[in-house]
Amino acid sequence: MKLELSDEVIHRAEVTAKELRLLLAVQLYADHQIDYHDACRLAEVVPAVLDREMTRRGVSVLCYPPPMRQLRKAG
């Protein structure tokens, strides 16, 4: 999937493409939309970098339940 974003908006937000990927991964993980491993893949970072960013933002790295849609598929 290719996602196009306005350079103007990204410039005003003062983030790089890499930072934006990390922010998106952390938010989707916090919202239980993706699991930890997918968050690392989306952000294109090693787990230590994702852990550091989640800790900085107050998102629990430990004991996060899987997304609800995965629970429904398993049952």
C-alpha atoms as a PDB file:
ATOM      1  CA  MET A   1       0.000   0.000   0.000  1.00  0.00           C
ATOM      2  CA  LYS A   2       1.209   3.421  -0.832  1.00  0.00           C
ATOM      3  CA  LEU A   3      -0.002   6.369   1.224  1.00  0.00           C
ATOM      4  CA  GLU A   4       0.435   9.885  -0.062  1.00  0.00           C
ATOM      5  CA  LEU A   5       0.546  12.733   2.410  1.00  0.00           C
ATOM      6  CA  SER A   6       0.754  16.440   1.855  1.00  0.00           C
ATOM      7  CA  ASP A   7       4.350  17.614   2.129  1.00  0.00           C
ATOM      8  CA  GLU A   8       3.007  20.905   3.444  1.00  0.00           C
ATOM      9  CA  VAL A   9       1.198  19.239   6.349  1.00  0.00           C
ATOM     10  CA  ILE A  10       4.149  16.980   7.164  1.00  0.00           C
ATOM     11  CA  HIS A  11       6.474  19.982   7.065  1.00  0.00           C
ATOM     12  CA  ARG A  12       4.216  21.885   9.489  1.00  0.00           C
ATOM     13  CA  ALA A  13       4.089  18.856  11.770  1.00  0.00           C
ATOM     14  CA  GLU A  14       7.898  18.903  11.762  1.00  0.00           C
ATOM     15  CA  VAL A  15       8.260  15.138  11.398  1.00  0.00           C
ATOM     16  CA  THR A  16      10.231  12.975   9.024  1.00  0.00           C
ATOM     17  CA  ALA A  17       8.779   9.990   7.193  1.00  0.00           C
ATOM     18  CA  LYS A  18      10.604   7.671   9.621  1.00  0.00           C
ATOM     19  CA  GLU A  19       9.190   9.519  12.652  1.00  0.00           C
ATOM     20  CA  LEU A  20       5.718   9.396  11.130  1.00  0.00           C
ATOM     21  CA  ARG A  21       5.960   5.618  10.658  1.00  0.00           C
ATOM     22  CA  LEU A  22       7.019   5.246  14.298  1.00  0.00           C
ATOM     23  CA  LEU A  23       4.206   7.483  15.543  1.00  0.00           C
ATOM     24  CA  LEU A  24       1.658   5.560  13.493  1.00  0.00           C
ATOM     25  CA  ALA A  25       2.948   2.214  14.742  1.00  0.00           C
ATOM     26  CA  VAL A  26       2.811   3.318  18.388  1.00  0.00           C
ATOM     27  CA  GLN A  27      -0.717   4.681  18.021  1.00  0.00           C
ATOM     28  CA  LEU A  28      -2.058   1.605  16.226  1.00  0.00           C
ATOM     29  CA  TYR A  29      -0.475  -0.608  18.879  1.00  0.00           C
ATOM     30  CA  ALA A  30      -1.918   1.524  21.698  1.00  0.00           C
ATOM     31  CA  ASP A  31      -5.348   1.293  20.047  1.00  0.00           C
ATOM     32  CA  HIS A  32      -5.015  -2.520  19.853  1.00  0.00           C
ATOM     33  CA  GLN A  33      -5.168  -2.423  16.055  1.00  0.00           C
ATOM     34  CA  ILE A  34      -1.844  -4.213  15.543  1.00  0.00           C
ATOM     35  CA  ASP A  35       0.355  -6.423  17.678  1.00  0.00           C
ATOM     36  CA  TYR A  36       3.871  -5.691  18.893  1.00  0.00           C
ATOM     37  CA  HIS A  37       5.670  -7.438  16.048  1.00  0.00           C
ATOM     38  CA  ASP A  38       3.584  -5.669  13.412  1.00  0.00           C
ATOM     39  CA  ALA A  39       4.294  -2.352  15.137  1.00  0.00           C
ATOM     40  CA  CYS A  40       8.041  -3.006  14.829  1.00  0.00           C
ATOM     41  CA  ARG A  41       7.623  -3.935  11.175  1.00  0.00           C
ATOM     42  CA  LEU A  42       5.465  -0.902  10.396  1.00  0.00           C
ATOM     43  CA  ALA A  43       7.899   1.459  12.100  1.00  0.00           C
ATOM     44  CA  GLU A  44      10.855  -0.364  10.534  1.00  0.00           C
ATOM     45  CA  VAL A  45      12.694  -0.324  13.856  1.00  0.00           C
ATOM     46  CA  VAL A  46      14.194  -2.866  16.214  1.00  0.00           C
ATOM     47  CA  PRO A  47      12.165  -3.659  19.335  1.00  0.00           C
ATOM     48  CA  ALA A  48      14.392  -1.520  21.601  1.00  0.00           C
ATOM     49  CA  VAL A  49      13.552   1.605  19.587  1.00  0.00           C
ATOM     50  CA  LEU A  50       9.822   0.853  19.671  1.00  0.00           C
ATOM     51  CA  ASP A  51      10.010   0.131  23.414  1.00  0.00           C
ATOM     52  CA  ARG A  52      11.746   3.440  24.057  1.00  0.00           C
ATOM     53  CA  GLU A  53       9.146   5.404  22.074  1.00  0.00           C
ATOM     54  CA  MET A  54       6.215   3.630  23.723  1.00  0.00           C
ATOM     55  CA  THR A  55       7.683   4.213  27.176  1.00  0.00           C
ATOM     56  CA  ARG A  56       8.218   7.885  26.328  1.00  0.00           C
ATOM     57  CA  ARG A  57       4.537   8.141  25.359  1.00  0.00           C
ATOM     58  CA  GLY A  58       3.226   6.177  28.351  1.00  0.00           C
ATOM     59  CA  VAL A  59       2.126   3.163  26.300  1.00  0.00           C
ATOM     60  CA  SER A  60       2.574  -0.152  28.084  1.00  0.00           C
ATOM     61  CA  VAL A  61       5.118  -2.412  26.457  1.00  0.00           C
ATOM     62  CA  LEU A  62       4.194  -5.330  28.706  1.00  0.00           C
ATOM     63  CA  CYS A  63       0.928  -7.156  29.183  1.00  0.00           C
ATOM     64  CA  TYR A  64      -0.863  -5.744  26.168  1.00  0.00           C
ATOM     65  CA  PRO A  65      -3.792  -7.937  25.111  1.00  0.00           C
ATOM     66  CA  PRO A  66      -4.078  -8.962  21.467  1.00  0.00           C
ATOM     67  CA  PRO A  67      -6.428  -7.008  19.203  1.00  0.00           C
ATOM     68  CA  MET A  68     -10.056  -8.086  19.575  1.00  0.00           C
ATOM     69  CA  ARG A  69     -10.303  -9.266  15.970  1.00  0.00           C
ATOM     70  CA  GLN A  70      -7.542 -11.820  16.646  1.00  0.00           C
ATOM     71  CA  LEU A  71      -9.419 -13.083  19.683  1.00  0.00           C
ATOM     72  CA  ARG A  72     -12.579 -13.576  17.599  1.00  0.00           C
ATOM     73  CA  LYS A  73     -10.674 -15.499  14.904  1.00  0.00           C
ATOM     74  CA  ALA A  74      -9.153 -17.831  17.493  1.00  0.00           C
ATOM     75  CA  GLY A  75     -12.527 -18.632  19.102  1.00  0.00           C
END
